[in-house]
């Protein structure tokens, strides 16, 4: 069974980014379809992004992080109100971890383990 997980780290503060809302969507005929959502916990992780009943398949997915809300809660000015990470799943048996390294004026991501 395919799983998708994420982890958000606030590199400007040197710690996990708690309270970042995120949604997970899959590209479908006619647009994008919501398949999961959550908010990062104290460790910067969303432990229930996709329910156990959801069967993920090969395709194009996107994770949308509401960074505006996170930085507003931190009372920090930021440049990017949202970060969207689009990625492809080719092998539905594998685990896909999509971390986000975040700061008020930049971000990076990679395929984690």
PDB file of N, CA and C in Angstrom:
ATOM      1  N   UNK A   1       0.842  -1.187   0.000  1.00  0.00           N
ATOM      2  CA  UNK A   1       0.000   0.000   0.000  1.00  0.00           C
ATOM      3  C   UNK A   1       0.882   1.242   0.000  1.00  0.00           C
ATOM      4  N   UNK A   2       0.605   2.182  -0.871  1.00  0.00           N
ATOM      5  CA  UNK A   2       1.330   3.435  -0.962  1.00  0.00           C
ATOM      6  C   UNK A   2       0.979   4.327   0.211  1.00  0.00           C
ATOM      7  N   UNK A   3       1.989   4.961   0.770  1.00  0.00           N
ATOM      8  CA  UNK A   3       1.734   5.983   1.790  1.00  0.00           C
ATOM      9  C   UNK A   3       2.474   7.252   1.395  1.00  0.00           C
ATOM     10  N   UNK A   4       1.889   8.371   1.756  1.00  0.00           N
ATOM     11  CA  UNK A   4       2.500   9.673   1.531  1.00  0.00           C
ATOM     12  C   UNK A   4       2.555  10.368   2.883  1.00  0.00           C
ATOM     13  N   UNK A   5       3.755  10.805   3.250  1.00  0.00           N
ATOM     14  CA  UNK A   5       3.924  11.529   4.507  1.00  0.00           C
ATOM     15  C   UNK A   5       4.675  12.822   4.245  1.00  0.00           C
ATOM     16  N   UNK A   6       4.597  13.737   5.217  1.00  0.00           N
ATOM     17  CA  UNK A   6       5.303  15.000   5.097  1.00  0.00           C
ATOM     18  C   UNK A   6       5.798  15.436   6.465  1.00  0.00           C
ATOM     19  N   UNK A   7       6.751  16.335   6.447  1.00  0.00           N
ATOM     20  CA  UNK A   7       7.387  16.845   7.655  1.00  0.00           C
ATOM     21  C   UNK A   7       7.831  18.265   7.312  1.00  0.00           C
ATOM     22  N   UNK A   8       7.452  19.244   8.123  1.00  0.00           N
ATOM     23  CA  UNK A   8       7.812  20.633   7.843  1.00  0.00           C
ATOM     24  C   UNK A   8       8.743  21.132   8.941  1.00  0.00           C
ATOM     25  N   UNK A   9       9.900  21.637   8.521  1.00  0.00           N
ATOM     26  CA  UNK A   9      10.878  22.208   9.447  1.00  0.00           C
ATOM     27  C   UNK A   9      11.047  23.688   9.145  1.00  0.00           C
ATOM     28  N   UNK A  10      10.983  24.503  10.182  1.00  0.00           N
ATOM     29  CA  UNK A  10      11.195  25.947  10.045  1.00  0.00           C
ATOM     30  C   UNK A  10      12.684  26.195  10.250  1.00  0.00           C
ATOM     31  N   UNK A  11      13.403  26.356   9.153  1.00  0.00           N
ATOM     32  CA  UNK A  11      14.855  26.503   9.235  1.00  0.00           C
ATOM     33  C   UNK A  11      15.266  27.845   9.825  1.00  0.00           C
ATOM     34  N   UNK A  12      14.390  28.829   9.808  1.00  0.00           N
ATOM     35  CA  UNK A  12      14.720  30.126  10.391  1.00  0.00           C
ATOM     36  C   UNK A  12      14.681  30.072  11.918  1.00  0.00           C
ATOM     37  N   UNK A  13      13.932  29.125  12.461  1.00  0.00           N
ATOM     38  CA  UNK A  13      13.817  28.986  13.908  1.00  0.00           C
ATOM     39  C   UNK A  13      14.563  27.761  14.411  1.00  0.00           C
ATOM     40  N   UNK A  14      14.994  26.909  13.493  1.00  0.00           N
ATOM     41  CA  UNK A  14      15.738  25.721  13.873  1.00  0.00           C
ATOM     42  C   UNK A  14      14.906  24.674  14.594  1.00  0.00           C
ATOM     43  N   UNK A  15      13.635  24.548  14.191  1.00  0.00           N
ATOM     44  CA  UNK A  15      12.766  23.556  14.835  1.00  0.00           C
ATOM     45  C   UNK A  15      11.598  23.188  13.926  1.00  0.00           C
ATOM     46  N   UNK A  16      10.851  22.150  14.324  1.00  0.00           N
ATOM     47  CA  UNK A  16       9.682  21.767  13.526  1.00  0.00           C
ATOM     48  C   UNK A  16       8.674  22.905  13.443  1.00  0.00           C
ATOM     49  N   UNK A  17       7.963  22.945  12.332  1.00  0.00           N
ATOM     50  CA  UNK A  17       6.943  23.971  12.111  1.00  0.00           C
ATOM     51  C   UNK A  17       5.590  23.394  12.514  1.00  0.00           C
ATOM     52  N   UNK A  18       5.137  23.733  13.691  1.00  0.00           N
ATOM     53  CA  UNK A  18       3.849  23.264  14.190  1.00  0.00           C
ATOM     54  C   UNK A  18       2.735  24.177  13.692  1.00  0.00           C
ATOM     55  N   UNK A  19       1.620  23.578  13.278  1.00  0.00           N
ATOM     56  CA  UNK A  19       0.455  24.359  12.892  1.00  0.00           C
ATOM     57  C   UNK A  19       0.399  24.765  11.431  1.00  0.00           C
ATOM     58  N   UNK A  20       1.072  24.013  10.549  1.00  0.00           N
ATOM     59  CA  UNK A  20       1.008  24.304   9.115  1.00  0.00           C
ATOM     60  C   UNK A  20      -0.099  23.444   8.489  1.00  0.00           C
ATOM     61  N   UNK A  21      -1.194  24.060   8.044  1.00  0.00           N
ATOM     62  CA  UNK A  21      -2.240  23.291   7.364  1.00  0.00           C
ATOM     63  C   UNK A  21      -1.743  22.846   5.979  1.00  0.00           C
ATOM     64  N   UNK A  22      -2.140  21.642   5.583  1.00  0.00           N
ATOM     65  CA  UNK A  22      -1.749  21.133   4.262  1.00  0.00           C
ATOM     66  C   UNK A  22      -2.870  20.290   3.687  1.00  0.00           C
ATOM     67  N   UNK A  23      -2.957  20.295   2.367  1.00  0.00           N
ATOM     68  CA  UNK A  23      -3.908  19.435   1.670  1.00  0.00           C
ATOM     69  C   UNK A  23      -3.138  18.605   0.654  1.00  0.00           C
ATOM     70  N   UNK A  24      -3.653  17.406   0.387  1.00  0.00           N
ATOM     71  CA  UNK A  24      -3.083  16.506  -0.610  1.00  0.00           C
ATOM     72  C   UNK A  24      -4.136  16.262  -1.673  1.00  0.00           C
ATOM     73  N   UNK A  25      -3.744  16.440  -2.933  1.00  0.00           N
ATOM     74  CA  UNK A  25      -4.656  16.249  -4.056  1.00  0.00           C
ATOM     75  C   UNK A  25      -4.007  15.363  -5.108  1.00  0.00           C
ATOM     76  N   UNK A  26      -4.850  14.716  -5.912  1.00  0.00           N
ATOM     77  CA  UNK A  26      -4.384  13.926  -7.052  1.00  0.00           C
ATOM     78  C   UNK A  26      -4.965  14.549  -8.313  1.00  0.00           C
ATOM     79  N   UNK A  27      -4.163  14.533  -9.372  1.00  0.00           N
ATOM     80  CA  UNK A  27      -4.631  15.042 -10.662  1.00  0.00           C
ATOM     81  C   UNK A  27      -5.626  14.047 -11.233  1.00  0.00           C
ATOM     82  N   UNK A  28      -6.796  14.551 -11.573  1.00  0.00           N
ATOM     83  CA  UNK A  28      -7.861  13.700 -12.100  1.00  0.00           C
ATOM     84  C   UNK A  28      -8.460  14.370 -13.327  1.00  0.00           C
ATOM     85  N   UNK A  29      -9.260  13.626 -14.050  1.00  0.00           N
ATOM     86  CA  UNK A  29      -9.953  14.207 -15.200  1.00  0.00           C
ATOM     87  C   UNK A  29     -10.768  15.403 -14.734  1.00  0.00           C
ATOM     88  N   UNK A  30     -10.556  16.530 -15.361  1.00  0.00           N
ATOM     89  CA  UNK A  30     -11.302  17.727 -14.990  1.00  0.00           C
ATOM     90  C   UNK A  30     -10.673  18.554 -13.895  1.00  0.00           C
ATOM     91  N   UNK A  31      -9.504  18.180 -13.393  1.00  0.00           N
ATOM     92  CA  UNK A  31      -8.858  19.000 -12.366  1.00  0.00           C
ATOM     93  C   UNK A  31      -8.235  18.170 -11.266  1.00  0.00           C
ATOM     94  N   UNK A  32      -8.163  18.764 -10.089  1.00  0.00           N
ATOM     95  CA  UNK A  32      -7.534  18.133  -8.934  1.00  0.00           C
ATOM     96  C   UNK A  32      -8.608  17.637  -7.971  1.00  0.00           C
ATOM     97  N   UNK A  33      -8.338  16.503  -7.330  1.00  0.00           N
ATOM     98  CA  UNK A  33      -9.282  15.904  -6.386  1.00  0.00           C
ATOM     99  C   UNK A  33      -8.620  15.822  -5.006  1.00  0.00           C
ATOM    100  N   UNK A  34      -9.278  16.364  -4.006  1.00  0.00           N
ATOM    101  CA  UNK A  34      -8.785  16.327  -2.631  1.00  0.00           C
ATOM    102  C   UNK A  34      -8.838  14.901  -2.106  1.00  0.00           C
ATOM    103  N   UNK A  35      -7.714  14.430  -1.556  1.00  0.00           N
ATOM    104  CA  UNK A  35      -7.704  13.079  -0.983  1.00  0.00           C
ATOM    105  C   UNK A  35      -7.207  13.053   0.457  1.00  0.00           C
ATOM    106  N   UNK A  36      -6.715  14.187   0.950  1.00  0.00           N
ATOM    107  CA  UNK A  36      -6.258  14.214   2.330  1.00  0.00           C
ATOM    108  C   UNK A  36      -5.940  15.626   2.781  1.00  0.00           C
ATOM    109  N   UNK A  37      -5.980  15.812   4.110  1.00  0.00           N
ATOM    110  CA  UNK A  37      -5.611  17.106   4.657  1.00  0.00           C
ATOM    111  C   UNK A  37      -5.269  16.933   6.128  1.00  0.00           C
ATOM    112  N   UNK A  38      -4.566  17.909   6.654  1.00  0.00           N
ATOM    113  CA  UNK A  38      -4.193  17.872   8.059  1.00  0.00           C
ATOM    114  C   UNK A  38      -3.377  19.093   8.423  1.00  0.00           C
ATOM    115  N   UNK A  39      -2.932  19.130   9.662  1.00  0.00           N
ATOM    116  CA  UNK A  39      -2.117  20.228  10.177  1.00  0.00           C
ATOM    117  C   UNK A  39      -0.935  19.627  10.917  1.00  0.00           C
ATOM    118  N   UNK A  40       0.237  20.198  10.717  1.00  0.00           N
ATOM    119  CA  UNK A  40       1.424  19.646  11.354  1.00  0.00           C
ATOM    120  C   UNK A  40       1.330  19.723  12.872  1.00  0.00           C
ATOM    121  N   UNK A  41       1.855  18.690  13.523  1.00  0.00           N
ATOM    122  CA  UNK A  41       1.858  18.621  14.975  1.00  0.00           C
ATOM    123  C   UNK A  41       3.130  19.264  15.544  1.00  0.00           C
ATOM    124  N   UNK A  42       3.371  19.101  16.832  1.00  0.00           N
ATOM    125  CA  UNK A  42       4.525  19.717  17.489  1.00  0.00           C
ATOM    126  C   UNK A  42       5.850  19.240  16.906  1.00  0.00           C
ATOM    127  N   UNK A  43       5.847  18.075  16.268  1.00  0.00           N
ATOM    128  CA  UNK A  43       7.051  17.550  15.628  1.00  0.00           C
ATOM    129  C   UNK A  43       7.127  17.936  14.155  1.00  0.00           C
ATOM    130  N   UNK A  44       6.176  18.763  13.684  1.00  0.00           N
ATOM    131  CA  UNK A  44       6.166  19.198  12.293  1.00  0.00           C
ATOM    132  C   UNK A  44       5.618  18.167  11.321  1.00  0.00           C
ATOM    133  N   UNK A  45       4.985  17.132  11.833  1.00  0.00           N
ATOM    134  CA  UNK A  45       4.480  16.041  10.989  1.00  0.00           C
ATOM    135  C   UNK A  45       2.954  16.024  10.954  1.00  0.00           C
ATOM    136  N   UNK A  46       2.428  15.496   9.862  1.00  0.00           N
ATOM    137  CA  UNK A  46       0.998  15.207   9.763  1.00  0.00           C
ATOM    138  C   UNK A  46       0.890  13.692   9.752  1.00  0.00           C
ATOM    139  N   UNK A  47       0.382  13.138  10.829  1.00  0.00           N
ATOM    140  CA  UNK A  47       0.382  11.683  10.975  1.00  0.00           C
ATOM    141  C   UNK A  47      -0.783  11.008  10.266  1.00  0.00           C
ATOM    142  N   UNK A  48      -1.804  11.767   9.906  1.00  0.00           N
ATOM    143  CA  UNK A  48      -2.989  11.170   9.279  1.00  0.00           C
ATOM    144  C   UNK A  48      -3.358  11.895   7.989  1.00  0.00           C
ATOM    145  N   UNK A  49      -2.368  12.199   7.168  1.00  0.00           N
ATOM    146  CA  UNK A  49      -2.608  12.926   5.924  1.00  0.00           C
ATOM    147  C   UNK A  49      -3.566  12.171   5.006  1.00  0.00           C
ATOM    148  N   UNK A  50      -3.383  10.855   4.912  1.00  0.00           N
ATOM    149  CA  UNK A  50      -4.229  10.017   4.073  1.00  0.00           C
ATOM    150  C   UNK A  50      -4.823   8.920   4.955  1.00  0.00           C
ATOM    151  N   UNK A  51      -6.125   8.723   4.879  1.00  0.00           N
ATOM    152  CA  UNK A  51      -6.764   7.692   5.694  1.00  0.00           C
ATOM    153  C   UNK A  51      -6.339   6.303   5.219  1.00  0.00           C
ATOM    154  N   UNK A  52      -6.425   5.338   6.100  1.00  0.00           N
ATOM    155  CA  UNK A  52      -6.063   3.958   5.762  1.00  0.00           C
ATOM    156  C   UNK A  52      -6.981   3.367   4.702  1.00  0.00           C
ATOM    157  N   UNK A  53      -8.180   3.911   4.556  1.00  0.00           N
ATOM    158  CA  UNK A  53      -9.140   3.405   3.570  1.00  0.00           C
ATOM    159  C   UNK A  53      -8.867   3.924   2.156  1.00  0.00           C
ATOM    160  N   UNK A  54      -8.006   4.946   2.038  1.00  0.00           N
ATOM    161  CA  UNK A  54      -7.728   5.534   0.731  1.00  0.00           C
ATOM    162  C   UNK A  54      -6.677   4.707   0.002  1.00  0.00           C
ATOM    163  N   UNK A  55      -7.011   4.228  -1.183  1.00  0.00           N
ATOM    164  CA  UNK A  55      -6.066   3.491  -2.020  1.00  0.00           C
ATOM    165  C   UNK A  55      -5.422   4.465  -3.003  1.00  0.00           C
ATOM    166  N   UNK A  56      -4.151   4.689  -2.833  1.00  0.00           N
ATOM    167  CA  UNK A  56      -3.424   5.582  -3.729  1.00  0.00           C
ATOM    168  C   UNK A  56      -2.915   4.795  -4.918  1.00  0.00           C
ATOM    169  N   UNK A  57      -2.792   5.480  -6.040  1.00  0.00           N
ATOM    170  CA  UNK A  57      -2.364   4.823  -7.272  1.00  0.00           C
ATOM    171  C   UNK A  57      -1.281   5.659  -7.942  1.00  0.00           C
ATOM    172  N   UNK A  58      -0.736   5.133  -9.010  1.00  0.00           N
ATOM    173  CA  UNK A  58       0.235   5.898  -9.795  1.00  0.00           C
ATOM    174  C   UNK A  58      -0.456   7.153 -10.306  1.00  0.00           C
ATOM    175  N   UNK A  59       0.286   8.235 -10.366  1.00  0.00           N
ATOM    176  CA  UNK A  59      -0.284   9.481 -10.849  1.00  0.00           C
ATOM    177  C   UNK A  59       0.480  10.690 -10.347  1.00  0.00           C
ATOM    178  N   UNK A  60      -0.069  11.864 -10.617  1.00  0.00           N
ATOM    179  CA  UNK A  60       0.537  13.126 -10.212  1.00  0.00           C
ATOM    180  C   UNK A  60      -0.241  13.661  -9.013  1.00  0.00           C
ATOM    181  N   UNK A  61       0.501  14.032  -7.991  1.00  0.00           N
ATOM    182  CA  UNK A  61      -0.073  14.514  -6.740  1.00  0.00           C
ATOM    183  C   UNK A  61       0.464  15.906  -6.438  1.00  0.00           C
ATOM    184  N   UNK A  62      -0.249  16.617  -5.558  1.00  0.00           N
ATOM    185  CA  UNK A  62       0.306  17.875  -5.079  1.00  0.00           C
ATOM    186  C   UNK A  62      -0.057  18.058  -3.606  1.00  0.00           C
ATOM    187  N   UNK A  63       0.934  18.553  -2.886  1.00  0.00           N
ATOM    188  CA  UNK A  63       0.785  18.939  -1.492  1.00  0.00           C
ATOM    189  C   UNK A  63       0.782  20.455  -1.452  1.00  0.00           C
ATOM    190  N   UNK A  64      -0.233  21.030  -0.820  1.00  0.00           N
ATOM    191  CA  UNK A  64      -0.340  22.488  -0.728  1.00  0.00           C
ATOM    192  C   UNK A  64      -0.244  22.868   0.753  1.00  0.00           C
ATOM    193  N   UNK A  65       0.784  23.635   1.087  1.00  0.00           N
ATOM    194  CA  UNK A  65       1.033  24.056   2.461  1.00  0.00           C
ATOM    195  C   UNK A  65       0.579  25.504   2.631  1.00  0.00           C
ATOM    196  N   UNK A  66      -0.230  25.769   3.642  1.00  0.00           N
ATOM    197  CA  UNK A  66      -0.716  27.120   3.939  1.00  0.00           C
ATOM    198  C   UNK A  66       0.311  27.829   4.824  1.00  0.00           C
ATOM    199  N   UNK A  67       1.359  28.324   4.199  1.00  0.00           N
ATOM    200  CA  UNK A  67       2.440  28.960   4.952  1.00  0.00           C
ATOM    201  C   UNK A  67       2.042  30.333   5.480  1.00  0.00           C
ATOM    202  N   UNK A  68       1.089  31.006   4.836  1.00  0.00           N
ATOM    203  CA  UNK A  68       0.621  32.313   5.327  1.00  0.00           C
ATOM    204  C   UNK A  68       0.050  32.177   6.734  1.00  0.00           C
ATOM    205  N   UNK A  69      -0.768  31.164   6.946  1.00  0.00           N
ATOM    206  CA  UNK A  69      -1.371  30.965   8.268  1.00  0.00           C
ATOM    207  C   UNK A  69      -0.300  30.660   9.311  1.00  0.00           C
ATOM    208  N   UNK A  70       0.656  29.809   8.943  1.00  0.00           N
ATOM    209  CA  UNK A  70       1.728  29.462   9.878  1.00  0.00           C
ATOM    210  C   UNK A  70       2.516  30.705  10.294  1.00  0.00           C
ATOM    211  N   UNK A  71       2.979  31.488   9.324  1.00  0.00           N
ATOM    212  CA  UNK A  71       3.789  32.656   9.661  1.00  0.00           C
ATOM    213  C   UNK A  71       2.972  33.740  10.357  1.00  0.00           C
ATOM    214  N   UNK A  72       1.684  33.868  10.039  1.00  0.00           N
ATOM    215  CA  UNK A  72       0.827  34.818  10.759  1.00  0.00           C
ATOM    216  C   UNK A  72       0.756  34.426  12.232  1.00  0.00           C
ATOM    217  N   UNK A  73       0.622  33.130  12.508  1.00  0.00           N
ATOM    218  CA  UNK A  73       0.601  32.665  13.898  1.00  0.00           C
ATOM    219  C   UNK A  73       1.929  32.901  14.606  1.00  0.00           C
ATOM    220  N   UNK A  74       3.014  32.953  13.844  1.00  0.00           N
ATOM    221  CA  UNK A  74       4.342  33.226  14.403  1.00  0.00           C
ATOM    222  C   UNK A  74       4.612  34.731  14.489  1.00  0.00           C
ATOM    223  N   UNK A  75       3.667  35.523  13.994  1.00  0.00           N
ATOM    224  CA  UNK A  75       3.824  36.978  13.900  1.00  0.00           C
ATOM    225  C   UNK A  75       5.116  37.332  13.149  1.00  0.00           C
ATOM    226  N   UNK A  76       5.255  36.654  12.003  1.00  0.00           N
ATOM    227  CA  UNK A  76       6.445  36.808  11.174  1.00  0.00           C
ATOM    228  C   UNK A  76       6.030  37.157   9.755  1.00  0.00           C
ATOM    229  N   UNK A  77       6.617  38.195   9.215  1.00  0.00           N
ATOM    230  CA  UNK A  77       6.390  38.557   7.816  1.00  0.00           C
ATOM    231  C   UNK A  77       6.990  37.476   6.932  1.00  0.00           C
ATOM    232  N   UNK A  78       6.292  37.147   5.839  1.00  0.00           N
ATOM    233  CA  UNK A  78       6.817  36.147   4.915  1.00  0.00           C
ATOM    234  C   UNK A  78       6.465  36.520   3.478  1.00  0.00           C
ATOM    235  N   UNK A  79       7.139  35.880   2.552  1.00  0.00           N
ATOM    236  CA  UNK A  79       6.987  36.190   1.138  1.00  0.00           C
ATOM    237  C   UNK A  79       6.030  35.244   0.417  1.00  0.00           C
ATOM    238  N   UNK A  80       6.067  33.961   0.767  1.00  0.00           N
ATOM    239  CA  UNK A  80       5.258  32.950   0.080  1.00  0.00           C
ATOM    240  C   UNK A  80       4.028  32.608   0.919  1.00  0.00           C
ATOM    241  N   UNK A  81       2.815  32.966   0.470  1.00  0.00           N
ATOM    242  CA  UNK A  81       1.622  32.643   1.240  1.00  0.00           C
ATOM    243  C   UNK A  81       1.255  31.158   1.187  1.00  0.00           C
ATOM    244  N   UNK A  82       1.792  30.470   0.206  1.00  0.00           N
ATOM    245  CA  UNK A  82       1.548  29.037   0.089  1.00  0.00           C
ATOM    246  C   UNK A  82       2.694  28.405  -0.670  1.00  0.00           C
ATOM    247  N   UNK A  83       2.945  27.138  -0.345  1.00  0.00           N
ATOM    248  CA  UNK A  83       3.946  26.357  -1.055  1.00  0.00           C
ATOM    249  C   UNK A  83       3.227  25.146  -1.636  1.00  0.00           C
ATOM    250  N   UNK A  84       3.355  24.973  -2.943  1.00  0.00           N
ATOM    251  CA  UNK A  84       2.740  23.833  -3.617  1.00  0.00           C
ATOM    252  C   UNK A  84       3.848  22.946  -4.171  1.00  0.00           C
ATOM    253  N   UNK A  85       3.817  21.678  -3.778  1.00  0.00           N
ATOM    254  CA  UNK A  85       4.813  20.708  -4.235  1.00  0.00           C
ATOM    255  C   UNK A  85       4.080  19.666  -5.075  1.00  0.00           C
ATOM    256  N   UNK A  86       4.430  19.598  -6.353  1.00  0.00           N
ATOM    257  CA  UNK A  86       3.814  18.639  -7.272  1.00  0.00           C
ATOM    258  C   UNK A  86       4.817  17.518  -7.504  1.00  0.00           C
ATOM    259  N   UNK A  87       4.352  16.279  -7.381  1.00  0.00           N
ATOM    260  CA  UNK A  87       5.249  15.135  -7.539  1.00  0.00           C
ATOM    261  C   UNK A  87       4.506  13.969  -8.170  1.00  0.00           C
ATOM    262  N   UNK A  88       5.284  13.020  -8.676  1.00  0.00           N
ATOM    263  CA  UNK A  88       4.710  11.872  -9.391  1.00  0.00           C
ATOM    264  C   UNK A  88       4.973  10.592  -8.606  1.00  0.00           C
ATOM    265  N   UNK A  89       3.950   9.764  -8.505  1.00  0.00           N
ATOM    266  CA  UNK A  89       4.081   8.418  -7.953  1.00  0.00           C
ATOM    267  C   UNK A  89       3.997   7.448  -9.125  1.00  0.00           C
ATOM    268  N   UNK A  90       5.062   6.678  -9.304  1.00  0.00           N
ATOM    269  CA  UNK A  90       5.079   5.690 -10.378  1.00  0.00           C
ATOM    270  C   UNK A  90       4.917   4.271  -9.848  1.00  0.00           C
ATOM    271  N   UNK A  91       5.423   4.032  -8.655  1.00  0.00           N
ATOM    272  CA  UNK A  91       5.353   2.700  -8.064  1.00  0.00           C
ATOM    273  C   UNK A  91       4.480   2.754  -6.816  1.00  0.00           C
ATOM    274  N   UNK A  92       3.228   2.327  -6.914  1.00  0.00           N
ATOM    275  CA  UNK A  92       2.293   2.436  -5.797  1.00  0.00           C
ATOM    276  C   UNK A  92       2.663   1.611  -4.563  1.00  0.00           C
ATOM    277  N   UNK A  93       3.679   0.757  -4.650  1.00  0.00           N
ATOM    278  CA  UNK A  93       4.084  -0.053  -3.507  1.00  0.00           C
ATOM    279  C   UNK A  93       5.019   0.726  -2.575  1.00  0.00           C
ATOM    280  N   UNK A  94       5.680   1.728  -3.091  1.00  0.00           N
ATOM    281  CA  UNK A  94       6.671   2.467  -2.310  1.00  0.00           C
ATOM    282  C   UNK A  94       6.038   3.476  -1.356  1.00  0.00           C
ATOM    283  N   UNK A  95       6.859   3.901  -0.387  1.00  0.00           N
ATOM    284  CA  UNK A  95       6.494   4.974   0.540  1.00  0.00           C
ATOM    285  C   UNK A  95       7.064   6.274  -0.026  1.00  0.00           C
ATOM    286  N   UNK A  96       6.290   7.347   0.037  1.00  0.00           N
ATOM    287  CA  UNK A  96       6.721   8.647  -0.464  1.00  0.00           C
ATOM    288  C   UNK A  96       6.683   9.655   0.676  1.00  0.00           C
ATOM    289  N   UNK A  97       7.857  10.170   1.037  1.00  0.00           N
ATOM    290  CA  UNK A  97       7.974  11.176   2.091  1.00  0.00           C
ATOM    291  C   UNK A  97       8.400  12.483   1.429  1.00  0.00           C
ATOM    292  N   UNK A  98       7.621  13.544   1.654  1.00  0.00           N
ATOM    293  CA  UNK A  98       7.849  14.830   0.997  1.00  0.00           C
ATOM    294  C   UNK A  98       8.072  15.898   2.076  1.00  0.00           C
ATOM    295  N   UNK A  99       9.316  16.081   2.523  1.00  0.00           N
ATOM    296  CA  UNK A  99       9.597  17.085   3.543  1.00  0.00           C
ATOM    297  C   UNK A  99       9.628  18.492   2.942  1.00  0.00           C
ATOM    298  N   UNK A 100       9.357  19.475   3.790  1.00  0.00           N
ATOM    299  CA  UNK A 100       9.431  20.880   3.395  1.00  0.00           C
ATOM    300  C   UNK A 100      10.319  21.608   4.392  1.00  0.00           C
ATOM    301  N   UNK A 101      11.373  22.221   3.895  1.00  0.00           N
ATOM    302  CA  UNK A 101      12.243  23.075   4.707  1.00  0.00           C
ATOM    303  C   UNK A 101      11.813  24.500   4.424  1.00  0.00           C
ATOM    304  N   UNK A 102      11.405  25.218   5.461  1.00  0.00           N
ATOM    305  CA  UNK A 102      10.690  26.469   5.303  1.00  0.00           C
ATOM    306  C   UNK A 102      11.358  27.600   6.059  1.00  0.00           C
ATOM    307  N   UNK A 103      11.369  28.781   5.457  1.00  0.00           N
ATOM    308  CA  UNK A 103      11.757  30.012   6.137  1.00  0.00           C
ATOM    309  C   UNK A 103      10.862  31.125   5.582  1.00  0.00           C
ATOM    310  N   UNK A 104      10.844  32.297   6.189  1.00  0.00           N
ATOM    311  CA  UNK A 104       9.924  33.342   5.720  1.00  0.00           C
ATOM    312  C   UNK A 104      10.130  33.775   4.266  1.00  0.00           C
ATOM    313  N   UNK A 105      11.346  33.614   3.742  1.00  0.00           N
ATOM    314  CA  UNK A 105      11.614  34.108   2.398  1.00  0.00           C
ATOM    315  C   UNK A 105      12.196  33.050   1.465  1.00  0.00           C
ATOM    316  N   UNK A 106      11.973  31.785   1.799  1.00  0.00           N
ATOM    317  CA  UNK A 106      12.455  30.720   0.937  1.00  0.00           C
ATOM    318  C   UNK A 106      12.010  29.361   1.440  1.00  0.00           C
ATOM    319  N   UNK A 107      12.140  28.359   0.580  1.00  0.00           N
ATOM    320  CA  UNK A 107      11.800  26.987   0.961  1.00  0.00           C
ATOM    321  C   UNK A 107      12.518  26.024   0.032  1.00  0.00           C
ATOM    322  N   UNK A 108      12.628  24.778   0.472  1.00  0.00           N
ATOM    323  CA  UNK A 108      13.124  23.720  -0.396  1.00  0.00           C
ATOM    324  C   UNK A 108      12.431  22.423   0.007  1.00  0.00           C
ATOM    325  N   UNK A 109      12.489  21.463  -0.896  1.00  0.00           N
ATOM    326  CA  UNK A 109      11.856  20.181  -0.669  1.00  0.00           C
ATOM    327  C   UNK A 109      12.666  19.117  -1.386  1.00  0.00           C
ATOM    328  N   UNK A 110      12.422  17.865  -1.039  1.00  0.00           N
ATOM    329  CA  UNK A 110      13.121  16.755  -1.657  1.00  0.00           C
ATOM    330  C   UNK A 110      12.319  15.495  -1.378  1.00  0.00           C
ATOM    331  N   UNK A 111      12.678  14.412  -2.052  1.00  0.00           N
ATOM    332  CA  UNK A 111      12.037  13.130  -1.727  1.00  0.00           C
ATOM    333  C   UNK A 111      12.820  12.484  -0.594  1.00  0.00           C
ATOM    334  N   UNK A 112      12.179  12.373   0.533  1.00  0.00           N
ATOM    335  CA  UNK A 112      12.809  11.789   1.723  1.00  0.00           C
ATOM    336  C   UNK A 112      12.568  10.295   1.794  1.00  0.00           C
ATOM    337  N   UNK A 113      12.914   9.758   2.945  1.00  0.00           N
ATOM    338  CA  UNK A 113      12.742   8.315   3.142  1.00  0.00           C
ATOM    339  C   UNK A 113      11.825   8.032   4.311  1.00  0.00           C
TER     340      UNK A 113
END
